[in-house]
N, C-alpha and C. Protein backbone atom coordinates (compact mmCIF):
# COMPACT_ATOMS: atom_id res chain seq x y z
N UNK A 1 0.48 -1.40 0.22
CA UNK A 1 0.38 -0.27 0.15
C UNK A 1 0.84 1.08 -0.10
N UNK A 2 0.60 2.55 -1.06
CA UNK A 2 1.39 3.04 -0.87
C UNK A 2 0.63 4.76 -0.47
N UNK A 3 1.53 5.17 0.38
CA UNK A 3 1.01 6.24 1.30
C UNK A 3 0.91 7.62 0.34
N UNK A 4 -0.45 8.30 0.52
CA UNK A 4 -0.59 9.74 -0.51
C UNK A 4 0.59 10.86 0.45
N UNK A 5 0.84 11.53 -0.68
CA UNK A 5 1.54 12.83 0.06
C UNK A 5 0.89 13.84 0.54
N UNK A 6 1.30 14.76 1.31
CA UNK A 6 0.57 15.80 1.58
C UNK A 6 1.43 16.95 1.63
N UNK A 7 0.92 18.18 0.38
CA UNK A 7 1.77 19.06 0.22
C UNK A 7 1.89 19.80 1.87
N UNK A 8 3.07 20.84 1.58
CA UNK A 8 3.61 21.62 2.44
C UNK A 8 2.33 22.47 2.73
N UNK A 9 1.87 22.58 1.86
CA UNK A 9 0.31 23.91 1.55
C UNK A 9 -0.15 23.52 2.03
N UNK A 10 -0.77 21.94 1.97
CA UNK A 10 -2.18 21.72 2.48
C UNK A 10 -2.07 21.36 4.00
N UNK A 11 -0.95 21.27 4.62
CA UNK A 11 -0.53 21.16 6.09
C UNK A 11 -0.40 22.79 6.60
N UNK A 12 -0.19 23.43 5.73
CA UNK A 12 -0.01 24.75 6.22
C UNK A 12 -1.58 25.53 6.56
N UNK A 13 -2.67 25.31 5.82
CA UNK A 13 -3.90 25.50 5.72
C UNK A 13 -4.21 25.28 6.76
N UNK A 14 -4.44 24.00 7.51
CA UNK A 14 -4.77 23.74 9.14
C UNK A 14 -3.71 24.59 9.71
N UNK A 15 -2.46 24.79 9.99
CA UNK A 15 -1.87 25.28 10.88
C UNK A 15 -2.61 27.00 10.99
N UNK A 16 -2.92 27.42 9.60
CA UNK A 16 -3.58 28.85 9.61
C UNK A 16 -4.69 28.69 10.20
N UNK A 17 -5.58 27.30 9.72
CA UNK A 17 -7.11 27.60 11.06
C UNK A 17 -6.99 27.09 12.10
N UNK A 18 -5.94 27.20 12.71
CA UNK A 18 -5.62 26.39 14.03
C UNK A 18 -5.16 28.30 14.40
N UNK A 19 -4.10 29.11 14.20
CA UNK A 19 -3.64 30.10 14.21
C UNK A 19 -5.01 31.05 14.38
N UNK A 20 -5.76 31.19 13.80
CA UNK A 20 -7.28 31.80 13.70
C UNK A 20 -8.69 31.55 14.40
N UNK A 21 -7.85 30.36 15.02
CA UNK A 21 -9.12 29.81 16.25
C UNK A 21 -10.54 28.68 15.26
N UNK A 22 -10.20 28.71 14.54
CA UNK A 22 -11.20 28.02 13.26
C UNK A 22 -11.35 26.32 14.13
N UNK A 23 -10.15 26.01 14.25
CA UNK A 23 -9.68 25.04 14.41
C UNK A 23 -9.45 24.91 16.09
N UNK A 24 -9.45 23.42 17.02
CA UNK A 24 -9.24 23.91 17.82
C UNK A 24 -8.26 22.54 18.13
N UNK A 25 -6.47 22.50 18.58
CA UNK A 25 -5.83 21.14 18.99
C UNK A 25 -6.24 20.68 20.13
N UNK A 26 -5.77 19.47 20.26
CA UNK A 26 -5.71 18.55 21.29
C UNK A 26 -4.05 18.05 21.68
N UNK A 27 -3.20 18.24 22.78
CA UNK A 27 -2.36 17.23 23.07
C UNK A 27 -2.30 16.02 23.05
N UNK A 28 -1.60 15.17 22.44
CA UNK A 28 -1.57 13.47 22.42
C UNK A 28 -0.03 13.43 23.07
N UNK A 29 -0.31 12.50 23.79
CA UNK A 29 0.97 12.25 25.13
C UNK A 29 0.61 12.84 26.17
N UNK A 30 2.24 12.75 27.05
CA UNK A 30 1.52 13.02 28.29
C UNK A 30 2.69 14.70 28.50
N UNK A 31 3.45 14.87 27.72
CA UNK A 31 4.16 16.13 28.31
C UNK A 31 3.67 17.16 27.54
N UNK A 32 3.73 18.29 27.42
CA UNK A 32 3.55 19.59 26.89
C UNK A 32 4.56 20.12 26.58
N UNK A 33 3.97 21.52 25.65
CA UNK A 33 5.04 22.09 25.37
C UNK A 33 5.96 22.74 26.00
N UNK A 34 5.40 23.24 27.17
CA UNK A 34 6.76 24.22 27.84
C UNK A 34 7.50 22.70 28.82
N UNK A 35 6.65 21.76 29.12
CA UNK A 35 7.64 20.42 29.45
C UNK A 35 9.11 19.65 28.78
N UNK A 36 8.45 20.21 27.15
CA UNK A 36 9.39 19.49 26.60
C UNK A 36 10.58 20.34 26.48
N UNK A 37 10.17 21.79 26.36
CA UNK A 37 11.42 22.75 26.04
C UNK A 37 11.51 22.53 24.79
N UNK A 38 12.51 21.72 24.22
CA UNK A 38 12.96 21.23 22.89
C UNK A 38 13.08 20.15 22.82
N UNK A 39 12.01 19.61 21.71
CA UNK A 39 12.09 18.41 20.85
C UNK A 39 10.24 18.67 20.24
N UNK A 40 10.19 17.26 20.22
CA UNK A 40 8.56 16.73 19.23
C UNK A 40 7.09 17.06 19.93
N UNK A 41 6.43 17.71 19.64
CA UNK A 41 4.96 17.35 20.81
C UNK A 41 3.74 17.48 19.72
N UNK A 42 3.12 15.98 19.83
CA UNK A 42 2.21 15.48 18.98
C UNK A 42 0.80 16.47 19.03
N UNK A 43 0.07 16.72 18.18
CA UNK A 43 -1.75 17.29 18.69
C UNK A 43 -2.32 16.56 17.11
N UNK A 44 -3.58 16.72 18.09
CA UNK A 44 -5.14 16.22 16.87
C UNK A 44 -5.66 17.17 16.59
N UNK A 45 -6.12 17.64 15.34
CA UNK A 45 -6.78 18.74 14.99
C UNK A 45 -7.97 17.95 13.77
N UNK A 46 -8.84 17.94 14.62
CA UNK A 46 -9.64 17.62 13.57
C UNK A 46 -9.94 16.03 12.84
N UNK A 47 -8.92 14.97 13.47
CA UNK A 47 -8.90 13.80 12.67
C UNK A 47 -7.20 14.29 12.39
N UNK A 48 -6.66 15.08 11.95
CA UNK A 48 -5.30 15.33 11.73
C UNK A 48 -4.50 15.35 12.40
N UNK A 49 -3.26 14.76 12.66
CA UNK A 49 -2.54 14.59 13.46
C UNK A 49 -0.89 15.56 13.06
N UNK A 50 -0.58 16.35 14.00
CA UNK A 50 0.56 17.01 13.74
C UNK A 50 1.78 16.59 14.73
N UNK A 51 2.68 16.74 14.50
CA UNK A 51 3.82 16.31 14.95
C UNK A 51 5.00 17.71 14.83
N UNK A 52 4.97 18.72 15.93
CA UNK A 52 5.80 19.65 15.75
C UNK A 52 6.77 20.02 16.24
N UNK A 53 8.01 20.52 15.85
CA UNK A 53 9.59 20.36 16.37
C UNK A 53 9.20 21.63 17.45
N UNK A 54 9.66 21.73 18.70
CA UNK A 54 9.66 23.00 19.54
C UNK A 54 10.85 23.16 19.98
N UNK A 55 11.63 24.02 19.49
CA UNK A 55 13.54 24.54 19.75
C UNK A 55 13.52 25.49 20.85
N UNK A 56 13.44 25.26 21.71
CA UNK A 56 13.40 26.26 23.00
C UNK A 56 12.34 26.99 23.30
N UNK A 57 11.15 26.34 23.03
CA UNK A 57 9.63 26.99 22.87
C UNK A 57 9.23 28.25 22.04
N UNK A 58 10.16 27.34 21.01
CA UNK A 58 9.93 28.23 19.49
C UNK A 58 9.38 26.91 18.45
N UNK A 59 8.45 27.83 17.73
CA UNK A 59 8.04 26.45 16.66
C UNK A 59 8.82 26.92 15.55
N UNK A 60 9.85 25.47 15.32
CA UNK A 60 10.81 25.60 14.55
C UNK A 60 10.00 25.00 12.86
N UNK A 61 9.69 23.63 12.83
CA UNK A 61 9.10 23.30 12.17
C UNK A 61 8.18 21.82 11.97
N UNK A 62 7.45 21.62 11.50
CA UNK A 62 6.63 20.77 10.96
C UNK A 62 7.39 19.75 10.87
N UNK A 63 7.46 18.60 11.66
CA UNK A 63 8.13 16.98 11.74
C UNK A 63 7.18 16.08 10.97
N UNK A 64 6.14 15.77 10.86
CA UNK A 64 5.31 15.15 10.10
C UNK A 64 3.67 15.66 10.41
N UNK A 65 2.96 15.31 9.43
CA UNK A 65 1.32 15.69 9.58
C UNK A 65 0.68 14.60 8.82
N UNK A 66 0.06 14.06 9.50
CA UNK A 66 -1.02 12.72 8.49
C UNK A 66 -2.88 13.58 8.59
N UNK A 67 -3.28 13.31 7.10
CA UNK A 67 -4.68 13.75 7.24
C UNK A 67 -5.20 12.63 7.63
N UNK A 68 -6.57 12.80 7.96
CA UNK A 68 -7.66 12.13 8.49
C UNK A 68 -7.64 10.67 7.25
N UNK A 69 -7.08 11.02 6.68
CA UNK A 69 -7.68 9.62 5.10
C UNK A 69 -5.80 8.75 5.12
N UNK A 70 -5.02 9.10 6.07
CA UNK A 70 -3.61 8.78 6.27
C UNK A 70 -2.77 9.35 4.63
N UNK A 71 -3.09 10.65 4.47
CA UNK A 71 -1.91 10.97 3.54
C UNK A 71 -1.08 11.77 4.68
N UNK A 72 0.94 11.67 3.90
CA UNK A 72 1.36 12.45 4.99
C UNK A 72 2.28 13.16 4.40
N UNK A 73 2.71 14.18 5.50
CA UNK A 73 3.75 15.06 5.02
C UNK A 73 4.99 14.93 5.54
N UNK A 74 6.10 14.43 5.38
CA UNK A 74 7.26 14.18 6.31
C UNK A 74 8.13 14.77 5.73
N UNK A 75 8.80 15.61 7.38
CA UNK A 75 9.77 16.39 6.83
C UNK A 75 11.04 16.08 6.46
N UNK A 76 12.24 16.81 6.01
CA UNK A 76 13.16 16.50 5.05
C UNK A 76 14.00 17.25 4.85
N UNK A 77 15.09 17.29 6.22
CA UNK A 77 16.28 18.24 5.77
C UNK A 77 16.86 18.27 4.32
N UNK A 78 16.34 17.85 3.67
CA UNK A 78 17.53 17.82 2.44
C UNK A 78 16.50 18.54 1.43
N UNK A 79 15.09 18.74 1.64
CA UNK A 79 14.49 19.93 0.70
C UNK A 79 14.65 21.16 1.16
N UNK A 80 14.61 21.81 -0.10
CA UNK A 80 14.88 23.61 0.02
C UNK A 80 14.19 24.21 0.67
N UNK A 81 14.60 25.14 0.70
CA UNK A 81 13.62 26.20 1.86
C UNK A 81 12.35 26.18 1.05
N UNK A 82 11.46 26.57 1.92
CA UNK A 82 9.95 26.56 1.42
C UNK A 82 9.04 25.56 1.47
N UNK A 83 9.53 24.22 1.96
CA UNK A 83 8.91 23.22 2.08
C UNK A 83 8.43 22.87 3.05
N UNK A 84 8.37 23.40 4.07
CA UNK A 84 7.87 23.02 5.16
C UNK A 84 6.63 24.12 5.65
N UNK A 85 5.67 23.04 6.37
CA UNK A 85 4.27 24.41 6.14
C UNK A 85 4.19 25.26 7.46
N UNK A 86 5.27 25.73 8.38
CA UNK A 86 5.37 26.76 9.22
C UNK A 86 6.19 27.60 8.41
N UNK A 87 7.09 27.40 7.64
CA UNK A 87 7.56 28.67 6.54
C UNK A 87 6.73 29.26 6.00
N UNK A 88 5.57 28.52 5.74
CA UNK A 88 4.26 29.36 5.12
C UNK A 88 3.32 30.44 6.02
N UNK A 89 3.74 29.93 7.28
CA UNK A 89 3.13 30.91 8.59
C UNK A 89 3.69 32.13 8.61
N UNK A 90 2.76 33.29 8.57
CA UNK A 90 3.13 34.30 9.15
C UNK A 90 3.39 34.64 10.12
N UNK A 91 4.43 35.79 10.94
CA UNK A 91 4.68 35.81 12.36
C UNK A 91 3.76 35.55 13.45
N UNK A 92 2.67 36.72 13.52
CA UNK A 92 1.47 36.85 14.12
C UNK A 92 1.26 34.93 13.90
N UNK A 93 0.60 34.30 12.59
CA UNK A 93 0.05 32.45 13.00
C UNK A 93 1.27 32.15 13.88
N UNK A 94 2.22 32.11 13.54
CA UNK A 94 3.16 31.23 14.13
C UNK A 94 3.36 31.36 15.80
N UNK A 95 3.23 32.89 16.58
CA UNK A 95 2.69 33.34 17.38
C UNK A 95 1.63 33.31 17.78
N UNK A 96 0.23 32.97 17.33
CA UNK A 96 -0.94 32.41 18.18
C UNK A 96 -0.87 31.10 18.41
N UNK A 97 -0.19 29.93 17.10
CA UNK A 97 -0.13 28.76 17.43
C UNK A 97 1.26 28.43 18.32
N UNK A 98 2.26 29.20 18.60
CA UNK A 98 2.80 28.91 20.18
C UNK A 98 2.41 29.04 21.32
N UNK A 99 1.52 30.02 21.11
CA UNK A 99 0.29 30.74 22.88
C UNK A 99 -0.53 29.73 22.91
N UNK A 100 -0.81 29.03 21.93
CA UNK A 100 -2.06 27.82 22.28
C UNK A 100 -1.18 26.34 22.25
N UNK A 101 0.10 26.07 21.67
CA UNK A 101 0.96 25.29 22.16
C UNK A 101 1.09 25.34 23.86
N UNK A 102 1.57 26.48 24.24
CA UNK A 102 1.85 26.69 25.47
C UNK A 102 0.70 26.56 26.41
N UNK A 103 -0.55 26.47 26.20
CA UNK A 103 -1.61 26.11 26.98
C UNK A 103 -1.75 24.67 26.76
N UNK A 104 -1.70 24.22 26.36
CA UNK A 104 -2.07 22.36 26.22
C UNK A 104 -1.73 21.97 27.68
């Protein structure tokens, strides 16, 4: 079985909705954003699952994302700039999502 690929833009659309308060996320796992300090945190949003990288309490990148049908976006350090969903986010959007992650 071949996994369908999500584009970074498709994953970004969900992150944008989170920032705007259109969608709510919930933490998967025991540790929260502040407890991790630096590392990965997984959240669920309307069936979408995002694993986000916390770099000193800053959202650095989306490590992976799965939509409800199982299509996946996987971070690859060899990809050129502009291929990570977080890179599409405005500064305001990143700040909003970080604020929400800290509250989880």
